[in-house]
């Protein structure tokens, strides 16, 4: 019996990626990560196919602005007149042609045409085929050292650039903000904010970092040594980087609880609290529990952690994680931490406040953010963050520490929240603070501050 795949069918990885991209447009703003997991539960994919589907979804969403600009340059139709599903298919095809060197360009075109035929219809096949082949004919390849004609060149990998015969990015040559917008695929308003604060050189490095596949950051909880091929993270003896695109559950140590997926920025916030064995710790906005688990590990069996989150669904995920890791010292509470209002009594030596935020320090991993976030949301997030900090701080013991952390690069969500809190509350001082920029921290960043109650 011939078990080879029917060549007339779309590859399952590409089909899964197409379905997920369509799902990211839902009004309820579902995350690509959750949609991918849902797809992987519906259809059984090999690890290589899971890796390809994930790469396609995350890659398209990282480079969406650039891909749409290229479509508009080669299309006979205006971008807004191309139906969403067809545009998703074109994005998938272009991403493979431009950014995935190991996939032959002809295969990328053929698979995209099959996808269009199966999911959109014969009426769209000619348009898709013509656009992709026209674009492909226009592209050559050079190493990054071969020239610097920014009007025609697109960085697509380490020391590799796609070179168009026509000046696709002509408007970006003398406008660095336009360049970072069109070529490095970041919203103009976001680039302008970062340029004002960091300057051109650092902003460009941040944008480049946001467009890379970040390695998986993990914390190793076992006394046994981790696999030799894992790369240690400087300053964190139990943290490692892994290049892994398959299911996390297949990694060594996952099943027995030795491994926890946790960013080094997250671990830095927990470590800043200096949690000692036997301490009582409050974790605000705790789910899904990465920092909760870290705090529980440091407090030990003689300590306890109260994990608070207002989402019942997210609290269920936290409890599932605790069960897998066999942690018994954490107590969950579903509540709005911004409105404790005196009803929650406690005397906590350590409090962790990991606030909801814009996530602009983790755009490589949170791939939807650059397309969904609006600048006016930052002010409303800042008000919520101050409310959460103020509410939690009332439960801090004299001499205790509170760590405030956010996965944002915006001043309004970091130091400005702390300044407003300190100015309006007696008896609290800023003990230390630290920024982490994505390009300096393996693709993840953020802000963390430690407050002490006198």
Protein backbone atom coordinates (compact mmCIF):
# COMPACT_ATOMS: atom_id res chain seq x y z
CA UNK A 1 0.00 0.00 0.00
CA UNK A 2 1.36 3.43 -0.97
CA UNK A 3 1.41 5.60 2.13
CA UNK A 4 3.04 8.65 0.54
CA UNK A 5 1.18 11.92 0.83
CA UNK A 6 -1.14 12.89 -2.03
CA UNK A 7 0.78 15.62 -3.88
CA UNK A 8 -2.46 17.31 -4.88
CA UNK A 9 -3.19 18.02 -1.23
CA UNK A 10 -1.88 20.97 0.76
CA UNK A 11 0.75 20.02 3.30
CA UNK A 12 -0.80 19.72 6.79
CA UNK A 13 1.66 22.23 8.29
CA UNK A 14 0.69 24.91 5.77
CA UNK A 15 -3.00 24.18 6.17
CA UNK A 16 -2.71 24.49 9.95
CA UNK A 17 -0.84 27.78 9.58
CA UNK A 18 -3.52 29.11 7.22
CA UNK A 19 -6.28 28.21 9.69
CA UNK A 20 -4.45 29.89 12.56
CA UNK A 21 -3.81 33.10 10.64
CA UNK A 22 -7.51 33.32 9.89
CA UNK A 23 -8.30 32.76 13.56
CA UNK A 24 -6.11 35.67 14.68
CA UNK A 25 -8.60 38.05 13.04
CA UNK A 26 -11.45 37.03 15.33
CA UNK A 27 -13.07 39.94 17.19
CA UNK A 28 -12.21 38.38 20.56
CA UNK A 29 -8.50 38.60 19.62
CA UNK A 30 -7.45 35.03 20.20
CA UNK A 31 -3.70 34.49 20.46
CA UNK A 32 -1.77 32.57 17.80
CA UNK A 33 -0.16 30.40 20.46
CA UNK A 34 -3.56 29.19 21.68
CA UNK A 35 -4.84 28.71 18.13
CA UNK A 36 -1.79 26.63 17.24
CA UNK A 37 -2.32 24.41 20.28
CA UNK A 38 -5.96 23.98 19.29
CA UNK A 39 -4.91 22.98 15.76
CA UNK A 40 -2.35 20.52 17.10
CA UNK A 41 -5.05 18.88 19.21
CA UNK A 42 -7.36 18.53 16.19
CA UNK A 43 -4.78 17.08 13.80
CA UNK A 44 -1.82 14.88 14.56
CA UNK A 45 1.33 16.51 13.20
CA UNK A 46 4.88 15.27 13.36
CA UNK A 47 7.39 17.42 15.24
CA UNK A 48 8.82 18.78 11.95
CA UNK A 49 5.33 19.72 10.75
CA UNK A 50 4.51 21.35 14.09
CA UNK A 51 7.74 23.30 13.84
CA UNK A 52 6.97 24.42 10.29
CA UNK A 53 3.39 25.45 11.13
CA UNK A 54 4.63 27.45 14.13
CA UNK A 55 7.40 29.06 12.07
CA UNK A 56 4.96 30.05 9.34
CA UNK A 57 2.43 31.60 11.72
CA UNK A 58 4.94 33.45 13.87
CA UNK A 59 7.03 34.50 10.88
CA UNK A 60 4.10 35.90 8.93
CA UNK A 61 2.83 37.83 11.95
CA UNK A 62 6.29 39.23 12.72
CA UNK A 63 6.80 40.40 9.13
CA UNK A 64 3.18 41.20 8.28
CA UNK A 65 3.72 44.89 7.47
CA UNK A 66 6.60 44.07 5.13
CA UNK A 67 4.76 41.22 3.41
CA UNK A 68 1.68 43.39 2.82
CA UNK A 69 3.86 46.17 1.42
CA UNK A 70 5.43 43.72 -1.05
CA UNK A 71 1.99 42.40 -2.04
CA UNK A 72 0.87 45.97 -2.74
CA UNK A 73 3.93 46.57 -4.92
CA UNK A 74 3.30 43.52 -7.14
CA UNK A 75 -0.48 43.33 -7.06
CA UNK A 76 -2.84 44.58 -9.75
CA UNK A 77 -5.39 45.14 -6.96
CA UNK A 78 -5.27 47.51 -4.04
CA UNK A 79 -4.46 45.72 -0.79
CA UNK A 80 -7.81 46.52 0.81
CA UNK A 81 -9.61 44.86 -2.13
CA UNK A 82 -7.90 41.50 -1.61
CA UNK A 83 -10.06 39.24 0.55
CA UNK A 84 -8.57 38.33 3.91
CA UNK A 85 -8.20 34.61 3.29
CA UNK A 86 -6.45 35.17 -0.05
CA UNK A 87 -4.14 37.72 1.55
CA UNK A 88 -3.26 35.20 4.27
CA UNK A 89 -2.31 32.65 1.60
CA UNK A 90 -0.16 35.22 -0.23
CA UNK A 91 1.57 36.14 3.00
CA UNK A 92 2.37 32.49 3.66
CA UNK A 93 3.78 32.05 0.18
CA UNK A 94 5.89 35.21 0.28
CA UNK A 95 7.23 34.43 3.74
CA UNK A 96 8.50 31.06 2.55
CA UNK A 97 10.05 32.55 -0.60
CA UNK A 98 11.78 35.37 1.25
CA UNK A 99 12.66 34.06 4.69
CA UNK A 100 12.82 30.26 4.60
CA UNK A 101 15.95 29.47 2.65
CA UNK A 102 15.60 25.70 3.08
CA UNK A 103 12.24 25.64 1.27
CA UNK A 104 12.64 25.81 -2.54
CA UNK A 105 10.85 28.87 -3.91
CA UNK A 106 9.06 26.74 -6.50
CA UNK A 107 7.67 24.53 -3.72
CA UNK A 108 6.49 27.59 -1.80
CA UNK A 109 4.62 28.85 -4.86
CA UNK A 110 3.14 25.43 -5.71
CA UNK A 111 1.96 24.80 -2.13
CA UNK A 112 0.40 28.26 -1.93
CA UNK A 113 -1.43 27.77 -5.23
CA UNK A 114 -2.79 24.42 -3.96
CA UNK A 115 -3.88 26.13 -0.76
CA UNK A 116 -5.69 28.86 -2.68
CA UNK A 117 -7.39 26.31 -4.93
CA UNK A 118 -8.57 24.18 -2.00
CA UNK A 119 -9.62 26.88 0.46
CA UNK A 120 -10.56 29.90 -1.67
CA UNK A 121 -11.41 28.54 -5.10
CA UNK A 122 -10.25 28.33 -8.69
CA UNK A 123 -11.23 31.97 -9.26
CA UNK A 124 -8.29 33.16 -7.13
CA UNK A 125 -5.63 30.74 -8.41
CA UNK A 126 -4.48 32.81 -11.38
CA UNK A 127 -4.09 35.96 -9.32
CA UNK A 128 -2.12 34.20 -6.57
CA UNK A 129 0.09 32.28 -8.98
CA UNK A 130 0.82 35.39 -11.05
CA UNK A 131 1.66 37.58 -8.08
CA UNK A 132 4.00 35.06 -6.44
CA UNK A 133 5.82 34.21 -9.67
CA UNK A 134 6.12 37.87 -10.61
CA UNK A 135 7.62 38.62 -7.22
CA UNK A 136 9.96 35.65 -7.44
CA UNK A 137 11.29 36.79 -10.83
CA UNK A 138 12.09 40.18 -9.31
CA UNK A 139 14.24 38.83 -6.46
CA UNK A 140 17.93 38.06 -6.28
CA UNK A 141 20.05 37.16 -3.27
CA UNK A 142 23.15 38.67 -1.74
CA UNK A 143 25.10 38.52 1.47
CA UNK A 144 24.69 41.55 3.73
CA UNK A 145 28.22 42.69 2.90
CA UNK A 146 27.49 42.94 -0.81
CA UNK A 147 25.95 46.41 -0.81
CA UNK A 148 23.62 48.84 0.91
CA UNK A 149 20.92 49.89 -1.55
CA UNK A 150 18.13 50.22 0.96
CA UNK A 151 15.55 50.95 -1.72
CA UNK A 152 15.87 47.39 -3.07
CA UNK A 153 17.17 45.29 -0.17
CA UNK A 154 15.32 43.34 2.51
CA UNK A 155 17.20 41.60 5.37
CA UNK A 156 15.88 38.03 5.49
CA UNK A 157 18.39 36.23 7.69
CA UNK A 158 21.82 36.40 9.18
CA UNK A 159 24.14 37.89 6.52
CA UNK A 160 21.51 37.37 3.83
CA UNK A 161 19.32 39.83 1.97
CA UNK A 162 16.71 39.66 -0.75
CA UNK A 163 17.47 42.17 -3.52
CA UNK A 164 14.60 43.38 -5.69
CA UNK A 165 15.22 44.66 -9.20
CA UNK A 166 12.76 47.48 -8.59
CA UNK A 167 13.03 50.01 -5.70
CA UNK A 168 10.35 48.40 -3.51
CA UNK A 169 11.38 50.43 -0.47
CA UNK A 170 12.24 53.72 -2.19
CA UNK A 171 10.24 55.84 0.27
CA UNK A 172 12.29 54.42 3.16
CA UNK A 173 15.74 55.39 1.87
CA UNK A 174 15.90 58.82 3.50
CA UNK A 175 13.34 58.23 6.25
CA UNK A 176 14.59 55.95 9.07
CA UNK A 177 11.16 55.75 10.66
CA UNK A 178 9.66 54.62 7.36
CA UNK A 179 12.49 52.10 6.98
CA UNK A 180 11.83 50.54 10.39
CA UNK A 181 8.12 50.55 9.59
CA UNK A 182 8.19 48.97 6.11
CA UNK A 183 11.39 46.91 6.13
CA UNK A 184 11.52 45.82 9.79
CA UNK A 185 7.73 45.57 10.08
CA UNK A 186 6.96 47.70 13.13
CA UNK A 187 4.05 50.17 13.40
CA UNK A 188 5.12 53.73 12.72
CA UNK A 189 3.76 55.06 16.01
CA UNK A 190 5.75 52.47 17.95
CA UNK A 191 8.96 53.27 16.08
CA UNK A 192 8.49 56.98 16.73
CA UNK A 193 8.14 56.40 20.46
CA UNK A 194 11.28 54.28 20.64
CA UNK A 195 13.27 56.67 18.44
CA UNK A 196 12.46 59.52 20.83
CA UNK A 197 13.66 57.48 23.78
CA UNK A 198 16.44 55.21 22.51
CA UNK A 199 17.64 56.85 19.29
CA UNK A 200 17.98 55.22 15.87
CA UNK A 201 20.73 52.67 16.55
CA UNK A 202 19.13 51.02 19.60
CA UNK A 203 15.65 51.17 18.09
CA UNK A 204 16.88 49.38 14.96
CA UNK A 205 18.52 46.71 17.11
CA UNK A 206 15.29 46.22 19.05
CA UNK A 207 13.31 45.87 15.81
CA UNK A 208 15.78 43.36 14.38
CA UNK A 209 15.61 41.35 17.62
CA UNK A 210 11.81 41.37 17.55
CA UNK A 211 11.89 39.78 14.11
CA UNK A 212 14.05 36.82 15.15
CA UNK A 213 12.89 33.44 16.42
CA UNK A 214 13.64 33.67 20.14
CA UNK A 215 15.10 30.59 21.80
CA UNK A 216 13.03 28.88 24.45
CA UNK A 217 13.96 30.11 27.94
CA UNK A 218 13.64 27.39 30.59
CA UNK A 219 14.39 26.92 34.27
CA UNK A 220 15.80 23.60 35.46
CA UNK A 221 14.42 22.48 38.84
CA UNK A 222 16.25 19.17 39.23
CA UNK A 223 19.49 18.41 41.07
CA UNK A 224 20.42 16.26 38.08
CA UNK A 225 22.32 18.07 35.29
CA UNK A 226 20.32 19.24 32.25
CA UNK A 227 21.18 18.15 28.69
CA UNK A 228 24.63 19.27 27.59
CA UNK A 229 23.38 21.00 24.45
CA UNK A 230 21.30 23.52 26.40
CA UNK A 231 22.97 26.93 26.58
CA UNK A 232 23.27 28.48 30.07
CA UNK A 233 22.02 32.04 30.61
CA UNK A 234 24.65 34.24 32.18
CA UNK A 235 23.83 35.18 35.76
CA UNK A 236 21.22 32.41 36.16
CA UNK A 237 22.68 29.06 37.20
CA UNK A 238 19.37 27.26 36.67
CA UNK A 239 18.28 28.99 33.42
CA UNK A 240 18.97 27.76 29.88
CA UNK A 241 18.24 28.57 26.24
CA UNK A 242 16.94 25.87 23.91
CA UNK A 243 16.39 25.96 20.15
CA UNK A 244 13.21 23.91 20.02
CA UNK A 245 10.22 24.17 17.71
CA UNK A 246 8.35 21.01 18.70
CA UNK A 247 6.02 20.29 21.60
CA UNK A 248 7.38 21.48 24.94
CA UNK A 249 5.95 18.34 26.51
CA UNK A 250 8.52 16.32 24.55
CA UNK A 251 11.48 18.06 26.15
CA UNK A 252 13.61 16.22 28.73
CA UNK A 253 12.39 16.90 32.25
CA UNK A 254 8.94 18.16 31.33
CA UNK A 255 7.01 15.05 32.38
CA UNK A 256 8.65 14.77 35.81
CA UNK A 257 8.51 18.51 36.55
CA UNK A 258 12.23 19.19 36.25
CA UNK A 259 11.66 21.73 33.48
CA UNK A 260 9.63 24.94 33.57
CA UNK A 261 9.33 27.31 30.63
CA UNK A 262 10.23 30.72 32.04
CA UNK A 263 11.80 33.84 30.54
CA UNK A 264 14.95 35.19 32.11
CA UNK A 265 13.25 38.58 32.55
CA UNK A 266 10.53 36.84 34.58
CA UNK A 267 13.13 34.98 36.65
CA UNK A 268 14.96 38.24 37.34
CA UNK A 269 11.83 39.72 38.90
CA UNK A 270 11.41 36.74 41.25
CA UNK A 271 15.09 36.72 42.19
CA UNK A 272 14.98 40.44 42.97
CA UNK A 273 12.56 39.65 45.81
CA UNK A 274 15.24 37.63 47.65
CA UNK A 275 12.68 35.05 48.80
CA UNK A 276 13.95 32.98 51.73
CA UNK A 277 12.79 29.50 52.85
CA UNK A 278 9.64 29.64 54.98
CA UNK A 279 8.42 33.03 53.74
CA UNK A 280 4.81 33.91 52.91
CA UNK A 281 4.59 35.33 49.39
CA UNK A 282 1.74 37.04 47.55
CA UNK A 283 1.70 36.73 43.75
CA UNK A 284 -0.68 39.18 42.08
CA UNK A 285 -1.96 38.50 38.52
CA UNK A 286 -0.36 35.10 39.00
CA UNK A 287 -1.73 32.86 36.24
CA UNK A 288 -0.56 30.84 34.42
CA UNK A 289 1.89 30.50 37.28
CA UNK A 290 5.46 30.63 35.98
CA UNK A 291 6.57 33.10 38.65
CA UNK A 292 4.32 31.45 41.22
CA UNK A 293 6.20 28.18 40.79
CA UNK A 294 9.55 29.95 41.01
CA UNK A 295 8.50 31.72 44.21
CA UNK A 296 7.23 28.44 45.69
CA UNK A 297 10.52 26.73 44.88
CA UNK A 298 12.45 29.45 46.70
CA UNK A 299 10.08 29.56 49.71
CA UNK A 300 10.25 25.77 50.06
CA UNK A 301 7.82 23.42 51.76
CA UNK A 302 7.88 25.55 54.91
CA UNK A 303 6.67 28.64 53.05
CA UNK A 304 3.50 29.37 51.15
CA UNK A 305 2.42 31.40 48.12
CA UNK A 306 -1.00 32.98 47.69
CA UNK A 307 -1.60 33.22 43.94
CA UNK A 308 -4.30 35.72 42.91
CA UNK A 309 -5.81 36.10 39.45
CA UNK A 310 -9.21 37.38 38.36
CA UNK A 311 -9.57 34.89 35.51
CA UNK A 312 -11.11 31.56 36.50
CA UNK A 313 -9.89 29.94 33.27
CA UNK A 314 -6.31 31.14 33.83
CA UNK A 315 -6.45 29.99 37.45
CA UNK A 316 -7.41 26.51 36.24
CA UNK A 317 -4.30 26.55 34.04
CA UNK A 318 -2.22 27.56 37.04
CA UNK A 319 -3.59 24.68 39.09
CA UNK A 320 -2.87 22.26 36.23
CA UNK A 321 0.75 23.44 36.23
CA UNK A 322 1.01 23.07 39.99
CA UNK A 323 -0.37 19.54 39.75
CA UNK A 324 2.13 18.56 37.04
CA UNK A 325 4.98 19.97 39.13
CA UNK A 326 3.65 18.43 42.35
CA UNK A 327 3.76 21.71 44.28
CA UNK A 328 1.58 21.74 47.41
CA UNK A 329 2.51 25.10 48.98
CA UNK A 330 0.50 27.36 46.65
CA UNK A 331 -3.05 28.50 47.37
CA UNK A 332 -5.14 29.98 44.55
CA UNK A 333 -7.62 32.84 44.86
CA UNK A 334 -9.83 34.10 42.03
CA UNK A 335 -10.21 37.83 42.68
CA UNK A 336 -9.57 41.26 41.18
CA UNK A 337 -6.30 42.31 42.80
CA UNK A 338 -6.93 45.96 41.94
CA UNK A 339 -9.91 45.95 44.31
CA UNK A 340 -8.77 44.19 47.47
CA UNK A 341 -10.26 47.14 49.35
CA UNK A 342 -9.25 45.84 52.77
CA UNK A 343 -11.18 42.57 52.57
CA UNK A 344 -8.02 40.56 51.96
CA UNK A 345 -5.97 40.55 55.14
CA UNK A 346 -2.39 39.48 55.21
CA UNK A 347 1.12 40.20 56.27
CA UNK A 348 3.40 39.28 53.40
CA UNK A 349 7.17 39.68 53.50
CA UNK A 350 7.36 39.37 49.74
CA UNK A 351 4.87 40.46 47.05
CA UNK A 352 5.15 40.00 43.30
CA UNK A 353 3.08 42.29 41.07
CA UNK A 354 3.37 41.17 37.45
CA UNK A 355 0.97 43.60 35.81
CA UNK A 356 -1.00 43.29 32.57
CA UNK A 357 0.83 45.43 30.03
CA UNK A 358 1.40 46.31 26.39
CA UNK A 359 4.04 43.54 26.00
CA UNK A 360 6.17 45.75 23.76
CA UNK A 361 9.33 44.19 25.27
CA UNK A 362 8.34 40.73 24.00
CA UNK A 363 7.23 41.28 20.41
CA UNK A 364 9.31 38.37 19.10
CA UNK A 365 7.22 35.99 21.20
CA UNK A 366 3.92 37.86 21.41
CA UNK A 367 3.60 38.23 17.67
CA UNK A 368 0.11 39.76 17.51
CA UNK A 369 0.88 42.74 19.73
CA UNK A 370 2.44 45.01 17.13
CA UNK A 371 -0.75 44.76 15.04
CA UNK A 372 -3.34 44.96 17.82
CA UNK A 373 -1.92 47.48 20.26
CA UNK A 374 -3.01 51.11 19.92
CA UNK A 375 -1.03 53.99 21.49
CA UNK A 376 -4.01 55.23 23.49
CA UNK A 377 -4.17 51.87 25.31
CA UNK A 378 -0.88 52.55 27.08
CA UNK A 379 -2.41 55.25 29.29
CA UNK A 380 -5.31 53.03 30.33
CA UNK A 381 -2.88 50.19 31.09
CA UNK A 382 -0.80 52.55 33.19
CA UNK A 383 -3.83 53.44 35.32
CA UNK A 384 -4.64 49.77 35.87
CA UNK A 385 -1.01 49.04 36.77
CA UNK A 386 -0.98 51.78 39.39
CA UNK A 387 -4.23 50.45 40.87
CA UNK A 388 -2.80 46.92 41.12
CA UNK A 389 0.43 48.14 42.67
CA UNK A 390 -1.37 50.35 45.20
CA UNK A 391 -3.77 47.60 46.22
CA UNK A 392 -1.08 44.96 46.67
CA UNK A 393 1.29 47.26 48.53
CA UNK A 394 -1.20 47.58 51.41
CA UNK A 395 -0.48 43.93 52.26
CA UNK A 396 3.30 44.30 52.43
CA UNK A 397 4.93 43.91 55.85
CA UNK A 398 7.27 46.63 57.17
CA UNK A 399 10.75 45.81 55.94
CA UNK A 400 9.30 43.62 53.19
CA UNK A 401 9.94 43.78 49.45
CA UNK A 402 7.52 44.17 46.56
CA UNK A 403 8.68 43.48 43.00
CA UNK A 404 6.78 45.29 40.25
CA UNK A 405 7.42 43.95 36.76
CA UNK A 406 6.14 44.53 33.27
CA UNK A 407 6.98 43.13 29.81
CA UNK A 408 6.89 46.63 28.32
CA UNK A 409 9.44 49.09 26.98
CA UNK A 410 7.21 52.07 27.67
CA UNK A 411 8.11 54.56 30.40
CA UNK A 412 4.43 55.06 31.24
CA UNK A 413 4.17 51.41 32.30
CA UNK A 414 7.43 51.24 34.20
CA UNK A 415 9.22 54.03 36.08
CA UNK A 416 6.34 56.48 35.75
CA UNK A 417 3.97 54.07 37.56
CA UNK A 418 6.56 53.67 40.33
CA UNK A 419 7.10 57.43 40.61
CA UNK A 420 3.38 58.14 40.93
CA UNK A 421 3.04 55.44 43.57
CA UNK A 422 6.02 56.64 45.66
CA UNK A 423 4.92 60.27 45.44
CA UNK A 424 1.43 59.46 46.74
CA UNK A 425 2.27 56.86 49.39
CA UNK A 426 4.31 57.45 52.53
CA UNK A 427 6.45 54.69 53.94
CA UNK A 428 7.57 53.15 50.62
CA UNK A 429 10.88 53.62 48.85
CA UNK A 430 12.26 52.51 45.50
CA UNK A 431 15.06 50.14 46.42
CA UNK A 432 16.30 49.19 42.92
CA UNK A 433 15.12 48.99 39.32
CA UNK A 434 16.33 47.49 36.06
CA UNK A 435 15.48 47.65 32.36
CA UNK A 436 16.04 44.65 30.09
CA UNK A 437 16.10 45.27 26.33
CA UNK A 438 15.17 42.42 23.94
CA UNK A 439 18.33 42.58 21.81
CA UNK A 440 20.46 42.25 24.93
CA UNK A 441 18.44 39.46 26.53
CA UNK A 442 17.82 36.72 23.93
CA UNK A 443 14.63 38.27 22.61
CA UNK A 444 12.80 39.07 25.87
CA UNK A 445 12.82 42.29 27.85
CA UNK A 446 10.95 44.33 30.40
CA UNK A 447 11.19 46.45 33.50
CA UNK A 448 11.40 45.39 37.14
CA UNK A 449 11.50 47.53 40.28
CA UNK A 450 11.84 46.56 43.93
CA UNK A 451 9.95 48.62 46.49
CA UNK A 452 10.58 48.37 50.24
CA UNK A 453 8.12 49.28 52.96
CA UNK A 454 9.81 51.22 55.76
